[in-house]
Amino acid sequence: MSFTKPIVRVTWHDAQDNNSTWANEKDVEEWGSTSCVIVSVGFLVSKTERYVTLAADWDDEDKNYGRITKIPAQMVQELQELREIGHQSLDAAGKK
């Protein structure tokens, strides 16, 4: 089995919740002026006009992705390819 996907670093703006039930107007204005910039690294599963989809894990035996993140494309500030990884299955001893 051969698995090849680029590993990417995505810098993006996340939506936020103020973690509070009630806040006065001054606190809301201060909180609203900040941003929540996230950096995610993973296998680039897909990139479309609407979404960038990353996976942190790959299960070589079952051919499944794990810990998948789907980021709206409009929230992406930067997408940088770190490297493309080519992987061949290894046995239990770590040999190809």
C-alpha atoms as a PDB file:
ATOM      1  CA  MET A   1       0.000   0.000   0.000  1.00  0.00           C
ATOM      2  CA  SER A   2       1.224   3.433  -0.803  1.00  0.00           C
ATOM      3  CA  PHE A   3      -0.108   6.572   0.899  1.00  0.00           C
ATOM      4  CA  THR A   4       0.941  10.001  -0.348  1.00  0.00           C
ATOM      5  CA  LYS A   5      -0.500  13.246   0.976  1.00  0.00           C
ATOM      6  CA  PRO A   6       1.093  16.646   1.535  1.00  0.00           C
ATOM      7  CA  ILE A   7       1.625  17.762   5.104  1.00  0.00           C
ATOM      8  CA  VAL A   8       0.473  21.358   5.455  1.00  0.00           C
ATOM      9  CA  ARG A   9       0.360  24.174   7.975  1.00  0.00           C
ATOM     10  CA  VAL A  10      -2.869  26.183   7.909  1.00  0.00           C
ATOM     11  CA  THR A  11      -3.208  29.523   9.683  1.00  0.00           C
ATOM     12  CA  TRP A  12      -6.858  30.428  10.066  1.00  0.00           C
ATOM     13  CA  HIS A  13      -9.320  32.585  11.978  1.00  0.00           C
ATOM     14  CA  ASP A  14     -11.646  30.605  14.205  1.00  0.00           C
ATOM     15  CA  ALA A  15     -15.073  31.610  15.452  1.00  0.00           C
ATOM     16  CA  GLN A  16     -15.203  32.377  19.170  1.00  0.00           C
ATOM     17  CA  ASP A  17     -17.529  32.036  22.112  1.00  0.00           C
ATOM     18  CA  ASN A  18     -16.954  34.331  25.073  1.00  0.00           C
ATOM     19  CA  ASN A  19     -17.461  31.437  27.531  1.00  0.00           C
ATOM     20  CA  SER A  20     -19.783  33.632  29.568  1.00  0.00           C
ATOM     21  CA  THR A  21     -23.521  33.765  29.954  1.00  0.00           C
ATOM     22  CA  TRP A  22     -23.702  37.533  30.463  1.00  0.00           C
ATOM     23  CA  ALA A  23     -21.349  40.395  29.581  1.00  0.00           C
ATOM     24  CA  ASN A  24     -21.701  44.168  29.632  1.00  0.00           C
ATOM     25  CA  GLU A  25     -21.306  46.229  26.462  1.00  0.00           C
ATOM     26  CA  LYS A  26     -17.750  47.389  27.291  1.00  0.00           C
ATOM     27  CA  ASP A  27     -16.563  43.802  27.805  1.00  0.00           C
ATOM     28  CA  VAL A  28     -18.244  42.679  24.586  1.00  0.00           C
ATOM     29  CA  GLU A  29     -16.589  45.495  22.616  1.00  0.00           C
ATOM     30  CA  GLU A  30     -13.153  44.639  24.046  1.00  0.00           C
ATOM     31  CA  TRP A  31     -13.650  40.936  23.420  1.00  0.00           C
ATOM     32  CA  GLY A  32     -15.005  41.625  19.927  1.00  0.00           C
ATOM     33  CA  SER A  33     -11.857  43.499  18.930  1.00  0.00           C
ATOM     34  CA  THR A  34      -9.644  40.442  19.451  1.00  0.00           C
ATOM     35  CA  SER A  35      -9.160  37.581  17.021  1.00  0.00           C
ATOM     36  CA  CYS A  36      -8.661  33.884  17.479  1.00  0.00           C
ATOM     37  CA  VAL A  37      -5.898  32.810  15.090  1.00  0.00           C
ATOM     38  CA  ILE A  38      -5.315  29.056  14.948  1.00  0.00           C
ATOM     39  CA  VAL A  39      -2.446  27.103  13.383  1.00  0.00           C
ATOM     40  CA  SER A  40      -3.248  23.540  12.346  1.00  0.00           C
ATOM     41  CA  VAL A  41      -0.852  20.979  10.871  1.00  0.00           C
ATOM     42  CA  GLY A  42      -1.887  17.749   9.169  1.00  0.00           C
ATOM     43  CA  PHE A  43      -2.375  15.716   6.029  1.00  0.00           C
ATOM     44  CA  LEU A  44      -4.174  17.759   3.359  1.00  0.00           C
ATOM     45  CA  VAL A  45      -7.161  15.552   2.538  1.00  0.00           C
ATOM     46  CA  SER A  46      -8.854  18.054   0.230  1.00  0.00           C
ATOM     47  CA  LYS A  47      -8.991  21.714  -0.740  1.00  0.00           C
ATOM     48  CA  THR A  48     -12.068  23.136  -2.446  1.00  0.00           C
ATOM     49  CA  GLU A  49     -13.507  26.608  -2.961  1.00  0.00           C
ATOM     50  CA  ARG A  50     -15.464  26.130   0.275  1.00  0.00           C
ATOM     51  CA  TYR A  51     -13.266  24.073   2.608  1.00  0.00           C
ATOM     52  CA  VAL A  52      -9.773  22.936   3.498  1.00  0.00           C
ATOM     53  CA  THR A  53      -9.904  19.487   5.118  1.00  0.00           C
ATOM     54  CA  LEU A  54      -7.022  18.172   7.223  1.00  0.00           C
ATOM     55  CA  ALA A  55      -6.476  14.902   9.044  1.00  0.00           C
ATOM     56  CA  ALA A  56      -4.062  14.375  11.915  1.00  0.00           C
ATOM     57  CA  ASP A  57      -3.963  10.599  11.573  1.00  0.00           C
ATOM     58  CA  TRP A  58      -4.002   7.855   8.945  1.00  0.00           C
ATOM     59  CA  ASP A  59      -4.896   4.236   9.773  1.00  0.00           C
ATOM     60  CA  ASP A  60      -2.917   2.220   7.239  1.00  0.00           C
ATOM     61  CA  GLU A  61      -4.657  -1.055   8.052  1.00  0.00           C
ATOM     62  CA  ASP A  62      -8.268   0.147   7.702  1.00  0.00           C
ATOM     63  CA  LYS A  63      -7.497   2.991   5.243  1.00  0.00           C
ATOM     64  CA  ASN A  64      -9.223   5.618   7.412  1.00  0.00           C
ATOM     65  CA  TYR A  65      -8.415   9.158   8.504  1.00  0.00           C
ATOM     66  CA  GLY A  66      -8.637  10.293  12.123  1.00  0.00           C
ATOM     67  CA  ARG A  67      -9.037  13.637  13.898  1.00  0.00           C
ATOM     68  CA  ILE A  68     -10.395  15.408  10.824  1.00  0.00           C
ATOM     69  CA  THR A  69     -10.726  19.205  10.724  1.00  0.00           C
ATOM     70  CA  LYS A  70     -12.804  20.984   8.063  1.00  0.00           C
ATOM     71  CA  ILE A  71     -11.965  24.694   7.853  1.00  0.00           C
ATOM     72  CA  PRO A  72     -14.118  27.127   5.845  1.00  0.00           C
ATOM     73  CA  ALA A  73     -11.893  28.489   3.052  1.00  0.00           C
ATOM     74  CA  GLN A  74     -12.874  32.086   3.796  1.00  0.00           C
ATOM     75  CA  MET A  75     -11.335  31.719   7.264  1.00  0.00           C
ATOM     76  CA  VAL A  76      -7.949  30.544   5.928  1.00  0.00           C
ATOM     77  CA  GLN A  77      -5.217  33.175   6.165  1.00  0.00           C
ATOM     78  CA  GLU A  78      -2.354  31.012   4.871  1.00  0.00           C
ATOM     79  CA  LEU A  79      -1.814  27.446   3.653  1.00  0.00           C
ATOM     80  CA  GLN A  80       1.802  26.337   3.491  1.00  0.00           C
ATOM     81  CA  GLU A  81       2.936  22.931   2.249  1.00  0.00           C
ATOM     82  CA  LEU A  82       5.587  21.643   4.628  1.00  0.00           C
ATOM     83  CA  ARG A  83       6.410  18.505   2.658  1.00  0.00           C
ATOM     84  CA  GLU A  84       4.856  15.635   0.801  1.00  0.00           C
ATOM     85  CA  ILE A  85       5.149  12.360   2.565  1.00  0.00           C
ATOM     86  CA  GLY A  86       5.312   9.073   0.760  1.00  0.00           C
ATOM     87  CA  HIS A  87       4.581   6.135   2.971  1.00  0.00           C
ATOM     88  CA  GLN A  88       4.824   2.435   2.386  1.00  0.00           C
ATOM     89  CA  SER A  89       3.403   0.000   4.899  1.00  0.00           C
ATOM     90  CA  LEU A  90       5.778  -1.165   7.589  1.00  0.00           C
ATOM     91  CA  ASP A  91       5.667  -4.473   9.400  1.00  0.00           C
ATOM     92  CA  ALA A  92       5.571  -4.673  13.215  1.00  0.00           C
ATOM     93  CA  ALA A  93       9.373  -4.387  13.345  1.00  0.00           C
ATOM     94  CA  GLY A  94       9.255  -1.124  11.359  1.00  0.00           C
ATOM     95  CA  LYS A  95      10.590  -2.670   8.139  1.00  0.00           C
ATOM     96  CA  LYS A  96       9.136  -2.064   4.660  1.00  0.00           C
END
